[in-house]
């Protein structure tokens, strides 16, 4: 999708960077649409949301996305298709496994971009 979007923008004369905004994946199992990434934060230690975020962000970056913005918080305590995509629980205290995974990945990518290990 990133490659196709970049090609579409280039065809229209845009030469700037492509930014992916509002990227996320639900932690609520009822809305996890990808069979490879199912499970919840709270059951059996399977962190489907964190796994999806790690792989998807890397894939977007490799495909040419200059920036990827992820959904930070769940909107409220009411679950729904998009409300569980956040990396932190809100208004409940605490972070999800996906927060730690994305933070680690961002640090690794930043160090790599600066030529550090």
PDB file of N, CA and C in Angstrom:
ATOM      1  N   UNK A   1       0.817  -1.186   0.000  1.00  0.00           N
ATOM      2  CA  UNK A   1       0.000   0.000   0.000  1.00  0.00           C
ATOM      3  C   UNK A   1       0.863   1.254   0.000  1.00  0.00           C
ATOM      4  N   UNK A   2       1.991   1.219   0.717  1.00  0.00           N
ATOM      5  CA  UNK A   2       2.886   2.378   0.754  1.00  0.00           C
ATOM      6  C   UNK A   2       3.469   2.639  -0.626  1.00  0.00           C
ATOM      7  N   UNK A   3       3.929   1.602  -1.265  1.00  0.00           N
ATOM      8  CA  UNK A   3       4.503   1.783  -2.603  1.00  0.00           C
ATOM      9  C   UNK A   3       3.464   2.332  -3.575  1.00  0.00           C
ATOM     10  N   UNK A   4       2.260   1.823  -3.499  1.00  0.00           N
ATOM     11  CA  UNK A   4       1.187   2.291  -4.379  1.00  0.00           C
ATOM     12  C   UNK A   4       0.848   3.753  -4.087  1.00  0.00           C
ATOM     13  N   UNK A   5       0.773   4.118  -2.810  1.00  0.00           N
ATOM     14  CA  UNK A   5       0.477   5.505  -2.438  1.00  0.00           C
ATOM     15  C   UNK A   5       1.581   6.440  -2.927  1.00  0.00           C
ATOM     16  N   UNK A   6       2.825   6.038  -2.746  1.00  0.00           N
ATOM     17  CA  UNK A   6       3.936   6.882  -3.218  1.00  0.00           C
ATOM     18  C   UNK A   6       3.868   7.056  -4.728  1.00  0.00           C
ATOM     19  N   UNK A   7       3.562   5.992  -5.457  1.00  0.00           N
ATOM     20  CA  UNK A   7       3.450   6.086  -6.915  1.00  0.00           C
ATOM     21  C   UNK A   7       2.297   7.008  -7.311  1.00  0.00           C
ATOM     22  N   UNK A   8       1.170   6.908  -6.618  1.00  0.00           N
ATOM     23  CA  UNK A   8       0.030   7.782  -6.902  1.00  0.00           C
ATOM     24  C   UNK A   8       0.390   9.247  -6.667  1.00  0.00           C
ATOM     25  N   UNK A   9       1.044   9.522  -5.555  1.00  0.00           N
ATOM     26  CA  UNK A   9       1.447  10.907  -5.268  1.00  0.00           C
ATOM     27  C   UNK A   9       2.447  11.421  -6.304  1.00  0.00           C
ATOM     28  N   UNK A  10       3.429  10.591  -6.656  1.00  0.00           N
ATOM     29  CA  UNK A  10       4.413  11.010  -7.673  1.00  0.00           C
ATOM     30  C   UNK A  10       3.728  11.318  -8.998  1.00  0.00           C
ATOM     31  N   UNK A  11       2.747  10.496  -9.374  1.00  0.00           N
ATOM     32  CA  UNK A  11       2.014  10.707 -10.624  1.00  0.00           C
ATOM     33  C   UNK A  11       1.278  12.051 -10.618  1.00  0.00           C
ATOM     34  N   UNK A  12       0.988  12.549  -9.436  1.00  0.00           N
ATOM     35  CA  UNK A  12       0.301  13.835  -9.314  1.00  0.00           C
ATOM     36  C   UNK A  12       1.266  14.979  -9.020  1.00  0.00           C
ATOM     37  N   UNK A  13       2.567  14.683  -9.080  1.00  0.00           N
ATOM     38  CA  UNK A  13       3.570  15.728  -8.917  1.00  0.00           C
ATOM     39  C   UNK A  13       4.112  15.922  -7.511  1.00  0.00           C
ATOM     40  N   UNK A  14       3.646  15.143  -6.553  1.00  0.00           N
ATOM     41  CA  UNK A  14       4.146  15.299  -5.182  1.00  0.00           C
ATOM     42  C   UNK A  14       5.443  14.523  -5.026  1.00  0.00           C
ATOM     43  N   UNK A  15       6.472  15.176  -4.533  1.00  0.00           N
ATOM     44  CA  UNK A  15       7.781  14.536  -4.369  1.00  0.00           C
ATOM     45  C   UNK A  15       8.241  14.472  -2.913  1.00  0.00           C
ATOM     46  N   UNK A  16       7.402  14.887  -2.001  1.00  0.00           N
ATOM     47  CA  UNK A  16       7.767  14.905  -0.589  1.00  0.00           C
ATOM     48  C   UNK A  16       7.669  13.538   0.066  1.00  0.00           C
ATOM     49  N   UNK A  17       7.957  13.489   1.352  1.00  0.00           N
ATOM     50  CA  UNK A  17       7.901  12.217   2.086  1.00  0.00           C
ATOM     51  C   UNK A  17       6.461  11.779   2.342  1.00  0.00           C
ATOM     52  N   UNK A  18       6.277  10.478   2.443  1.00  0.00           N
ATOM     53  CA  UNK A  18       4.961   9.928   2.773  1.00  0.00           C
ATOM     54  C   UNK A  18       4.914   9.643   4.268  1.00  0.00           C
ATOM     55  N   UNK A  19       3.926  10.172   4.917  1.00  0.00           N
ATOM     56  CA  UNK A  19       3.717   9.922   6.336  1.00  0.00           C
ATOM     57  C   UNK A  19       2.474   9.063   6.502  1.00  0.00           C
ATOM     58  N   UNK A  20       2.573   8.035   7.346  1.00  0.00           N
ATOM     59  CA  UNK A  20       1.427   7.189   7.675  1.00  0.00           C
ATOM     60  C   UNK A  20       0.909   7.662   9.028  1.00  0.00           C
ATOM     61  N   UNK A  21      -0.335   8.089   9.069  1.00  0.00           N
ATOM     62  CA  UNK A  21      -0.908   8.619  10.315  1.00  0.00           C
ATOM     63  C   UNK A  21      -1.986   7.681  10.830  1.00  0.00           C
ATOM     64  N   UNK A  22      -2.194   7.731  12.130  1.00  0.00           N
ATOM     65  CA  UNK A  22      -3.230   6.953  12.798  1.00  0.00           C
ATOM     66  C   UNK A  22      -3.104   5.458  12.569  1.00  0.00           C
ATOM     67  N   UNK A  23      -1.900   4.949  12.627  1.00  0.00           N
ATOM     68  CA  UNK A  23      -1.656   3.513  12.450  1.00  0.00           C
ATOM     69  C   UNK A  23      -1.950   2.796  13.761  1.00  0.00           C
ATOM     70  N   UNK A  24      -2.652   1.696  13.688  1.00  0.00           N
ATOM     71  CA  UNK A  24      -2.941   0.945  14.894  1.00  0.00           C
ATOM     72  C   UNK A  24      -3.497  -0.429  14.571  1.00  0.00           C
ATOM     73  N   UNK A  25      -3.681  -1.213  15.613  1.00  0.00           N
ATOM     74  CA  UNK A  25      -4.281  -2.533  15.520  1.00  0.00           C
ATOM     75  C   UNK A  25      -4.964  -2.802  16.854  1.00  0.00           C
ATOM     76  N   UNK A  26      -6.186  -3.320  16.855  1.00  0.00           N
ATOM     77  CA  UNK A  26      -6.935  -3.490  18.102  1.00  0.00           C
ATOM     78  C   UNK A  26      -6.301  -4.495  19.071  1.00  0.00           C
ATOM     79  N   UNK A  27      -6.429  -4.193  20.341  1.00  0.00           N
ATOM     80  CA  UNK A  27      -6.040  -5.179  21.359  1.00  0.00           C
ATOM     81  C   UNK A  27      -7.255  -5.987  21.801  1.00  0.00           C
ATOM     82  N   UNK A  28      -8.448  -5.518  21.457  1.00  0.00           N
ATOM     83  CA  UNK A  28      -9.683  -6.248  21.763  1.00  0.00           C
ATOM     84  C   UNK A  28      -9.832  -7.377  20.744  1.00  0.00           C
ATOM     85  N   UNK A  29      -9.825  -8.621  21.217  1.00  0.00           N
ATOM     86  CA  UNK A  29      -9.856  -9.789  20.332  1.00  0.00           C
ATOM     87  C   UNK A  29     -11.075  -9.794  19.406  1.00  0.00           C
ATOM     88  N   UNK A  30     -12.159  -9.187  19.822  1.00  0.00           N
ATOM     89  CA  UNK A  30     -13.363  -9.154  18.990  1.00  0.00           C
ATOM     90  C   UNK A  30     -13.140  -8.399  17.682  1.00  0.00           C
ATOM     91  N   UNK A  31     -12.143  -7.513  17.646  1.00  0.00           N
ATOM     92  CA  UNK A  31     -11.903  -6.686  16.467  1.00  0.00           C
ATOM     93  C   UNK A  31     -10.566  -6.989  15.782  1.00  0.00           C
ATOM     94  N   UNK A  32      -9.890  -8.022  16.225  1.00  0.00           N
ATOM     95  CA  UNK A  32      -8.618  -8.391  15.595  1.00  0.00           C
ATOM     96  C   UNK A  32      -8.913  -9.158  14.313  1.00  0.00           C
ATOM     97  N   UNK A  33      -8.767  -8.503  13.194  1.00  0.00           N
ATOM     98  CA  UNK A  33      -9.165  -9.039  11.898  1.00  0.00           C
ATOM     99  C   UNK A  33      -8.133  -9.959  11.265  1.00  0.00           C
ATOM    100  N   UNK A  34      -6.891  -9.908  11.699  1.00  0.00           N
ATOM    101  CA  UNK A  34      -5.847 -10.734  11.106  1.00  0.00           C
ATOM    102  C   UNK A  34      -5.654 -11.993  11.955  1.00  0.00           C
ATOM    103  N   UNK A  35      -5.916 -13.151  11.366  1.00  0.00           N
ATOM    104  CA  UNK A  35      -5.839 -14.415  12.105  1.00  0.00           C
ATOM    105  C   UNK A  35      -4.450 -14.683  12.680  1.00  0.00           C
ATOM    106  N   UNK A  36      -3.418 -14.134  12.066  1.00  0.00           N
ATOM    107  CA  UNK A  36      -2.050 -14.325  12.553  1.00  0.00           C
ATOM    108  C   UNK A  36      -1.791 -13.529  13.831  1.00  0.00           C
ATOM    109  N   UNK A  37      -2.611 -12.523  14.073  1.00  0.00           N
ATOM    110  CA  UNK A  37      -2.431 -11.654  15.239  1.00  0.00           C
ATOM    111  C   UNK A  37      -3.722 -11.604  16.036  1.00  0.00           C
ATOM    112  N   UNK A  38      -3.955 -12.674  16.788  1.00  0.00           N
ATOM    113  CA  UNK A  38      -5.130 -12.731  17.662  1.00  0.00           C
ATOM    114  C   UNK A  38      -4.691 -13.060  19.073  1.00  0.00           C
ATOM    115  N   UNK A  39      -5.393 -12.552  20.003  1.00  0.00           N
ATOM    116  CA  UNK A  39      -5.097 -12.737  21.410  1.00  0.00           C
ATOM    117  C   UNK A  39      -5.293 -11.396  22.089  1.00  0.00           C
ATOM    118  N   UNK A  40      -5.098 -11.342  23.379  1.00  0.00           N
ATOM    119  CA  UNK A  40      -5.270 -10.074  24.074  1.00  0.00           C
ATOM    120  C   UNK A  40      -4.114  -9.853  25.020  1.00  0.00           C
ATOM    121  N   UNK A  41      -4.049  -8.657  25.533  1.00  0.00           N
ATOM    122  CA  UNK A  41      -3.054  -8.308  26.547  1.00  0.00           C
ATOM    123  C   UNK A  41      -3.212  -9.201  27.776  1.00  0.00           C
ATOM    124  N   UNK A  42      -4.452  -9.559  28.049  1.00  0.00           N
ATOM    125  CA  UNK A  42      -4.771 -10.110  29.360  1.00  0.00           C
ATOM    126  C   UNK A  42      -4.945 -11.609  29.371  1.00  0.00           C
ATOM    127  N   UNK A  43      -4.879 -12.258  28.235  1.00  0.00           N
ATOM    128  CA  UNK A  43      -5.085 -13.704  28.193  1.00  0.00           C
ATOM    129  C   UNK A  43      -3.848 -14.410  27.664  1.00  0.00           C
ATOM    130  N   UNK A  44      -3.386 -15.357  28.344  1.00  0.00           N
ATOM    131  CA  UNK A  44      -2.352 -16.313  27.948  1.00  0.00           C
ATOM    132  C   UNK A  44      -1.022 -15.701  27.514  1.00  0.00           C
ATOM    133  N   UNK A  45      -0.798 -14.452  27.852  1.00  0.00           N
ATOM    134  CA  UNK A  45       0.485 -13.831  27.545  1.00  0.00           C
ATOM    135  C   UNK A  45       0.728 -13.594  26.067  1.00  0.00           C
ATOM    136  N   UNK A  46      -0.245 -13.813  25.233  1.00  0.00           N
ATOM    137  CA  UNK A  46      -0.072 -13.624  23.793  1.00  0.00           C
ATOM    138  C   UNK A  46      -0.357 -12.182  23.444  1.00  0.00           C
ATOM    139  N   UNK A  47       0.617 -11.508  22.963  1.00  0.00           N
ATOM    140  CA  UNK A  47       0.499 -10.065  22.736  1.00  0.00           C
ATOM    141  C   UNK A  47       0.360  -9.769  21.249  1.00  0.00           C
ATOM    142  N   UNK A  48      -0.804 -10.074  20.731  1.00  0.00           N
ATOM    143  CA  UNK A  48      -1.055  -9.935  19.300  1.00  0.00           C
ATOM    144  C   UNK A  48      -0.880  -8.501  18.821  1.00  0.00           C
ATOM    145  N   UNK A  49      -1.370  -7.551  19.594  1.00  0.00           N
ATOM    146  CA  UNK A  49      -1.256  -6.154  19.183  1.00  0.00           C
ATOM    147  C   UNK A  49       0.210  -5.737  19.093  1.00  0.00           C
ATOM    148  N   UNK A  50       0.997  -6.092  20.078  1.00  0.00           N
ATOM    149  CA  UNK A  50       2.422  -5.736  20.079  1.00  0.00           C
ATOM    150  C   UNK A  50       3.148  -6.385  18.909  1.00  0.00           C
ATOM    151  N   UNK A  51       2.867  -7.652  18.650  1.00  0.00           N
ATOM    152  CA  UNK A  51       3.499  -8.342  17.526  1.00  0.00           C
ATOM    153  C   UNK A  51       3.138  -7.686  16.197  1.00  0.00           C
ATOM    154  N   UNK A  52       1.868  -7.357  16.040  1.00  0.00           N
ATOM    155  CA  UNK A  52       1.423  -6.714  14.803  1.00  0.00           C
ATOM    156  C   UNK A  52       2.117  -5.365  14.621  1.00  0.00           C
ATOM    157  N   UNK A  53       2.155  -4.568  15.677  1.00  0.00           N
ATOM    158  CA  UNK A  53       2.756  -3.232  15.580  1.00  0.00           C
ATOM    159  C   UNK A  53       4.232  -3.317  15.203  1.00  0.00           C
ATOM    160  N   UNK A  54       4.965  -4.218  15.834  1.00  0.00           N
ATOM    161  CA  UNK A  54       6.398  -4.367  15.500  1.00  0.00           C
ATOM    162  C   UNK A  54       6.581  -4.691  14.029  1.00  0.00           C
ATOM    163  N   UNK A  55       5.859  -5.673  13.555  1.00  0.00           N
ATOM    164  CA  UNK A  55       6.030  -6.097  12.156  1.00  0.00           C
ATOM    165  C   UNK A  55       5.515  -5.060  11.172  1.00  0.00           C
ATOM    166  N   UNK A  56       4.373  -4.457  11.467  1.00  0.00           N
ATOM    167  CA  UNK A  56       3.777  -3.492  10.539  1.00  0.00           C
ATOM    168  C   UNK A  56       4.623  -2.230  10.423  1.00  0.00           C
ATOM    169  N   UNK A  57       5.133  -1.725  11.539  1.00  0.00           N
ATOM    170  CA  UNK A  57       5.953  -0.509  11.489  1.00  0.00           C
ATOM    171  C   UNK A  57       7.227  -0.763  10.691  1.00  0.00           C
ATOM    172  N   UNK A  58       7.863  -1.894  10.923  1.00  0.00           N
ATOM    173  CA  UNK A  58       9.060  -2.231  10.133  1.00  0.00           C
ATOM    174  C   UNK A  58       8.722  -2.322   8.644  1.00  0.00           C
ATOM    175  N   UNK A  59       7.620  -2.980   8.312  1.00  0.00           N
ATOM    176  CA  UNK A  59       7.228  -3.133   6.906  1.00  0.00           C
ATOM    177  C   UNK A  59       6.922  -1.786   6.269  1.00  0.00           C
ATOM    178  N   UNK A  60       6.226  -0.911   6.983  1.00  0.00           N
ATOM    179  CA  UNK A  60       5.923   0.419   6.450  1.00  0.00           C
ATOM    180  C   UNK A  60       7.201   1.205   6.191  1.00  0.00           C
ATOM    181  N   UNK A  61       8.115   1.136   7.133  1.00  0.00           N
ATOM    182  CA  UNK A  61       9.388   1.847   6.987  1.00  0.00           C
ATOM    183  C   UNK A  61      10.189   1.302   5.797  1.00  0.00           C
ATOM    184  N   UNK A  62      10.278  -0.015   5.686  1.00  0.00           N
ATOM    185  CA  UNK A  62      11.001  -0.625   4.562  1.00  0.00           C
ATOM    186  C   UNK A  62      10.374  -0.269   3.217  1.00  0.00           C
ATOM    187  N   UNK A  63       9.055  -0.118   3.199  1.00  0.00           N
ATOM    188  CA  UNK A  63       8.353   0.195   1.952  1.00  0.00           C
ATOM    189  C   UNK A  63       8.484   1.662   1.564  1.00  0.00           C
ATOM    190  N   UNK A  64       9.027   2.484   2.469  1.00  0.00           N
ATOM    191  CA  UNK A  64       9.271   3.874   2.108  1.00  0.00           C
ATOM    192  C   UNK A  64       8.513   4.920   2.887  1.00  0.00           C
ATOM    193  N   UNK A  65       7.792   4.530   3.914  1.00  0.00           N
ATOM    194  CA  UNK A  65       7.119   5.535   4.746  1.00  0.00           C
ATOM    195  C   UNK A  65       8.184   6.297   5.537  1.00  0.00           C
ATOM    196  N   UNK A  66       8.168   7.621   5.426  1.00  0.00           N
ATOM    197  CA  UNK A  66       9.157   8.442   6.129  1.00  0.00           C
ATOM    198  C   UNK A  66       8.853   8.534   7.626  1.00  0.00           C
ATOM    199  N   UNK A  67       7.592   8.572   7.978  1.00  0.00           N
ATOM    200  CA  UNK A  67       7.163   8.641   9.369  1.00  0.00           C
ATOM    201  C   UNK A  67       5.932   7.758   9.545  1.00  0.00           C
ATOM    202  N   UNK A  68       5.825   7.155  10.738  1.00  0.00           N
ATOM    203  CA  UNK A  68       4.651   6.354  11.085  1.00  0.00           C
ATOM    204  C   UNK A  68       4.170   6.840  12.448  1.00  0.00           C
ATOM    205  N   UNK A  69       2.952   7.308  12.502  1.00  0.00           N
ATOM    206  CA  UNK A  69       2.359   7.793  13.740  1.00  0.00           C
ATOM    207  C   UNK A  69       1.368   6.743  14.230  1.00  0.00           C
ATOM    208  N   UNK A  70       1.518   6.340  15.488  1.00  0.00           N
ATOM    209  CA  UNK A  70       0.651   5.301  16.035  1.00  0.00           C
ATOM    210  C   UNK A  70      -0.360   5.907  17.001  1.00  0.00           C
ATOM    211  N   UNK A  71      -1.461   5.201  17.194  1.00  0.00           N
ATOM    212  CA  UNK A  71      -2.499   5.636  18.119  1.00  0.00           C
ATOM    213  C   UNK A  71      -1.973   5.450  19.538  1.00  0.00           C
ATOM    214  N   UNK A  72      -1.935   6.529  20.317  1.00  0.00           N
ATOM    215  CA  UNK A  72      -1.355   6.459  21.650  1.00  0.00           C
ATOM    216  C   UNK A  72      -2.293   5.866  22.680  1.00  0.00           C
ATOM    217  N   UNK A  73      -3.533   6.336  22.726  1.00  0.00           N
ATOM    218  CA  UNK A  73      -4.389   5.898  23.835  1.00  0.00           C
ATOM    219  C   UNK A  73      -5.719   5.366  23.349  1.00  0.00           C
ATOM    220  N   UNK A  74      -6.282   4.489  24.162  1.00  0.00           N
ATOM    221  CA  UNK A  74      -7.666   4.074  23.948  1.00  0.00           C
ATOM    222  C   UNK A  74      -8.530   5.277  24.273  1.00  0.00           C
ATOM    223  N   UNK A  75      -9.603   5.492  23.538  1.00  0.00           N
ATOM    224  CA  UNK A  75     -10.371   6.717  23.714  1.00  0.00           C
ATOM    225  C   UNK A  75     -11.146   6.779  25.017  1.00  0.00           C
ATOM    226  N   UNK A  76     -11.680   5.698  25.467  1.00  0.00           N
ATOM    227  CA  UNK A  76     -12.387   5.653  26.741  1.00  0.00           C
ATOM    228  C   UNK A  76     -12.543   4.191  27.137  1.00  0.00           C
ATOM    229  N   UNK A  77     -13.351   3.901  28.097  1.00  0.00           N
ATOM    230  CA  UNK A  77     -13.514   2.526  28.541  1.00  0.00           C
ATOM    231  C   UNK A  77     -14.433   1.703  27.670  1.00  0.00           C
ATOM    232  N   UNK A  78     -15.009   2.295  26.640  1.00  0.00           N
ATOM    233  CA  UNK A  78     -15.967   1.588  25.782  1.00  0.00           C
ATOM    234  C   UNK A  78     -15.238   0.982  24.602  1.00  0.00           C
ATOM    235  N   UNK A  79     -15.294  -0.328  24.484  1.00  0.00           N
ATOM    236  CA  UNK A  79     -14.582  -1.004  23.410  1.00  0.00           C
ATOM    237  C   UNK A  79     -15.337  -0.873  22.106  1.00  0.00           C
ATOM    238  N   UNK A  80     -14.604  -0.883  21.032  1.00  0.00           N
ATOM    239  CA  UNK A  80     -15.179  -0.806  19.707  1.00  0.00           C
ATOM    240  C   UNK A  80     -14.077  -1.030  18.696  1.00  0.00           C
ATOM    241  N   UNK A  81     -14.404  -0.944  17.447  1.00  0.00           N
ATOM    242  CA  UNK A  81     -13.469  -1.250  16.379  1.00  0.00           C
ATOM    243  C   UNK A  81     -12.148  -0.502  16.521  1.00  0.00           C
ATOM    244  N   UNK A  82     -12.176   0.782  16.793  1.00  0.00           N
ATOM    245  CA  UNK A  82     -10.939   1.561  16.845  1.00  0.00           C
ATOM    246  C   UNK A  82     -10.515   1.952  18.255  1.00  0.00           C
ATOM    247  N   UNK A  83     -11.383   1.812  19.224  1.00  0.00           N
ATOM    248  CA  UNK A  83     -11.062   2.336  20.551  1.00  0.00           C
ATOM    249  C   UNK A  83     -10.022   1.529  21.310  1.00  0.00           C
ATOM    250  N   UNK A  84      -9.721   0.320  20.893  1.00  0.00           N
ATOM    251  CA  UNK A  84      -8.710  -0.462  21.608  1.00  0.00           C
ATOM    252  C   UNK A  84      -7.356  -0.443  20.894  1.00  0.00           C
ATOM    253  N   UNK A  85      -7.196   0.422  19.878  1.00  0.00           N
ATOM    254  CA  UNK A  85      -5.945   0.465  19.125  1.00  0.00           C
ATOM    255  C   UNK A  85      -4.817   1.199  19.844  1.00  0.00           C
ATOM    256  N   UNK A  86      -5.127   1.909  20.888  1.00  0.00           N
ATOM    257  CA  UNK A  86      -4.112   2.689  21.582  1.00  0.00           C
ATOM    258  C   UNK A  86      -3.051   1.840  22.248  1.00  0.00           C
ATOM    259  N   UNK A  87      -1.898   2.472  22.497  1.00  0.00           N
ATOM    260  CA  UNK A  87      -0.773   1.788  23.141  1.00  0.00           C
ATOM    261  C   UNK A  87      -0.816   1.889  24.658  1.00  0.00           C
ATOM    262  N   UNK A  88      -1.651   2.780  25.166  1.00  0.00           N
ATOM    263  CA  UNK A  88      -1.805   2.888  26.617  1.00  0.00           C
ATOM    264  C   UNK A  88      -3.273   2.727  26.965  1.00  0.00           C
ATOM    265  N   UNK A  89      -3.538   2.264  28.183  1.00  0.00           N
ATOM    266  CA  UNK A  89      -4.904   2.158  28.670  1.00  0.00           C
ATOM    267  C   UNK A  89      -5.358   3.530  29.129  1.00  0.00           C
ATOM    268  N   UNK A  90      -6.554   3.908  28.787  1.00  0.00           N
ATOM    269  CA  UNK A  90      -7.070   5.193  29.196  1.00  0.00           C
ATOM    270  C   UNK A  90      -8.568   5.061  29.390  1.00  0.00           C
ATOM    271  N   UNK A  91      -9.150   5.457  30.461  1.00  0.00           N
ATOM    272  CA  UNK A  91      -8.566   6.212  31.561  1.00  0.00           C
ATOM    273  C   UNK A  91      -7.881   5.347  32.612  1.00  0.00           C
ATOM    274  N   UNK A  92      -7.862   4.037  32.409  1.00  0.00           N
ATOM    275  CA  UNK A  92      -7.182   3.162  33.362  1.00  0.00           C
ATOM    276  C   UNK A  92      -5.685   3.412  33.315  1.00  0.00           C
ATOM    277  N   UNK A  93      -5.006   3.326  34.439  1.00  0.00           N
ATOM    278  CA  UNK A  93      -3.557   3.546  34.420  1.00  0.00           C
ATOM    279  C   UNK A  93      -2.820   2.376  33.768  1.00  0.00           C
ATOM    280  N   UNK A  94      -1.679   2.667  33.208  1.00  0.00           N
ATOM    281  CA  UNK A  94      -0.822   1.607  32.714  1.00  0.00           C
ATOM    282  C   UNK A  94      -0.662   1.587  31.209  1.00  0.00           C
ATOM    283  N   UNK A  95       0.353   0.894  30.809  1.00  0.00           N
ATOM    284  CA  UNK A  95       0.649   0.765  29.387  1.00  0.00           C
ATOM    285  C   UNK A  95       0.446  -0.689  28.978  1.00  0.00           C
ATOM    286  N   UNK A  96       0.291  -0.896  27.698  1.00  0.00           N
ATOM    287  CA  UNK A  96       0.136  -2.243  27.167  1.00  0.00           C
ATOM    288  C   UNK A  96       1.489  -2.756  26.687  1.00  0.00           C
ATOM    289  N   UNK A  97       1.544  -4.027  26.385  1.00  0.00           N
ATOM    290  CA  UNK A  97       2.769  -4.614  25.831  1.00  0.00           C
ATOM    291  C   UNK A  97       3.146  -3.916  24.533  1.00  0.00           C
ATOM    292  N   UNK A  98       2.160  -3.461  23.786  1.00  0.00           N
ATOM    293  CA  UNK A  98       2.441  -2.787  22.513  1.00  0.00           C
ATOM    294  C   UNK A  98       3.191  -1.478  22.718  1.00  0.00           C
ATOM    295  N   UNK A  99       2.949  -0.780  23.829  1.00  0.00           N
ATOM    296  CA  UNK A  99       3.674   0.459  24.112  1.00  0.00           C
ATOM    297  C   UNK A  99       5.168   0.176  24.241  1.00  0.00           C
ATOM    298  N   UNK A 100       5.504  -0.802  25.055  1.00  0.00           N
ATOM    299  CA  UNK A 100       6.910  -1.152  25.252  1.00  0.00           C
ATOM    300  C   UNK A 100       7.533  -1.627  23.943  1.00  0.00           C
ATOM    301  N   UNK A 101       6.800  -2.405  23.159  1.00  0.00           N
ATOM    302  CA  UNK A 101       7.325  -2.915  21.885  1.00  0.00           C
ATOM    303  C   UNK A 101       7.607  -1.785  20.909  1.00  0.00           C
ATOM    304  N   UNK A 102       6.676  -0.845  20.780  1.00  0.00           N
ATOM    305  CA  UNK A 102       6.857   0.271  19.854  1.00  0.00           C
ATOM    306  C   UNK A 102       7.969   1.195  20.339  1.00  0.00           C
ATOM    307  N   UNK A 103       8.033   1.420  21.628  1.00  0.00           N
ATOM    308  CA  UNK A 103       9.099   2.282  22.170  1.00  0.00           C
ATOM    309  C   UNK A 103      10.485   1.667  21.911  1.00  0.00           C
ATOM    310  N   UNK A 104      10.613   0.363  22.143  1.00  0.00           N
ATOM    311  CA  UNK A 104      11.882  -0.321  21.866  1.00  0.00           C
ATOM    312  C   UNK A 104      12.235  -0.229  20.388  1.00  0.00           C
ATOM    313  N   UNK A 105      11.261  -0.492  19.531  1.00  0.00           N
ATOM    314  CA  UNK A 105      11.489  -0.446  18.093  1.00  0.00           C
ATOM    315  C   UNK A 105      11.897   0.958  17.650  1.00  0.00           C
ATOM    316  N   UNK A 106      11.241   1.977  18.165  1.00  0.00           N
ATOM    317  CA  UNK A 106      11.589   3.362  17.807  1.00  0.00           C
ATOM    318  C   UNK A 106      13.029   3.668  18.213  1.00  0.00           C
ATOM    319  N   UNK A 107      13.431   3.223  19.380  1.00  0.00           N
ATOM    320  CA  UNK A 107      14.811   3.428  19.821  1.00  0.00           C
ATOM    321  C   UNK A 107      15.807   2.718  18.924  1.00  0.00           C
ATOM    322  N   UNK A 108      15.503   1.486  18.556  1.00  0.00           N
ATOM    323  CA  UNK A 108      16.383   0.726  17.660  1.00  0.00           C
ATOM    324  C   UNK A 108      16.504   1.409  16.303  1.00  0.00           C
ATOM    325  N   UNK A 109      15.385   1.863  15.765  1.00  0.00           N
ATOM    326  CA  UNK A 109      15.400   2.507  14.460  1.00  0.00           C
ATOM    327  C   UNK A 109      16.148   3.835  14.510  1.00  0.00           C
ATOM    328  N   UNK A 110      15.976   4.589  15.577  1.00  0.00           N
ATOM    329  CA  UNK A 110      16.671   5.874  15.719  1.00  0.00           C
ATOM    330  C   UNK A 110      18.182   5.650  15.821  1.00  0.00           C
ATOM    331  N   UNK A 111      18.589   4.660  16.613  1.00  0.00           N
ATOM    332  CA  UNK A 111      20.029   4.371  16.729  1.00  0.00           C
ATOM    333  C   UNK A 111      20.603   3.933  15.392  1.00  0.00           C
ATOM    334  N   UNK A 112      19.867   3.093  14.670  1.00  0.00           N
ATOM    335  CA  UNK A 112      20.327   2.646  13.367  1.00  0.00           C
ATOM    336  C   UNK A 112      20.453   3.811  12.392  1.00  0.00           C
ATOM    337  N   UNK A 113      19.491   4.711  12.409  1.00  0.00           N
ATOM    338  CA  UNK A 113      19.519   5.874  11.517  1.00  0.00           C
ATOM    339  C   UNK A 113      20.678   6.805  11.833  1.00  0.00           C
ATOM    340  N   UNK A 114      21.109   6.820  13.098  1.00  0.00           N
ATOM    341  CA  UNK A 114      22.243   7.661  13.496  1.00  0.00           C
ATOM    342  C   UNK A 114      23.566   6.901  13.348  1.00  0.00           C
ATOM    343  N   UNK A 115      23.504   5.657  12.878  1.00  0.00           N
ATOM    344  CA  UNK A 115      24.715   4.876  12.691  1.00  0.00           C
ATOM    345  C   UNK A 115      25.255   4.263  13.969  1.00  0.00           C
ATOM    346  N   UNK A 116      24.411   4.161  14.992  1.00  0.00           N
ATOM    347  CA  UNK A 116      24.826   3.556  16.261  1.00  0.00           C
ATOM    348  C   UNK A 116      24.328   2.125  16.331  1.00  0.00           C
ATOM    349  N   UNK A 117      24.856   1.368  17.269  1.00  0.00           N
ATOM    350  CA  UNK A 117      24.383  -0.003  17.463  1.00  0.00           C
ATOM    351  C   UNK A 117      23.265  -0.063  18.442  1.00  0.00           C
TER     352      UNK A 117
END
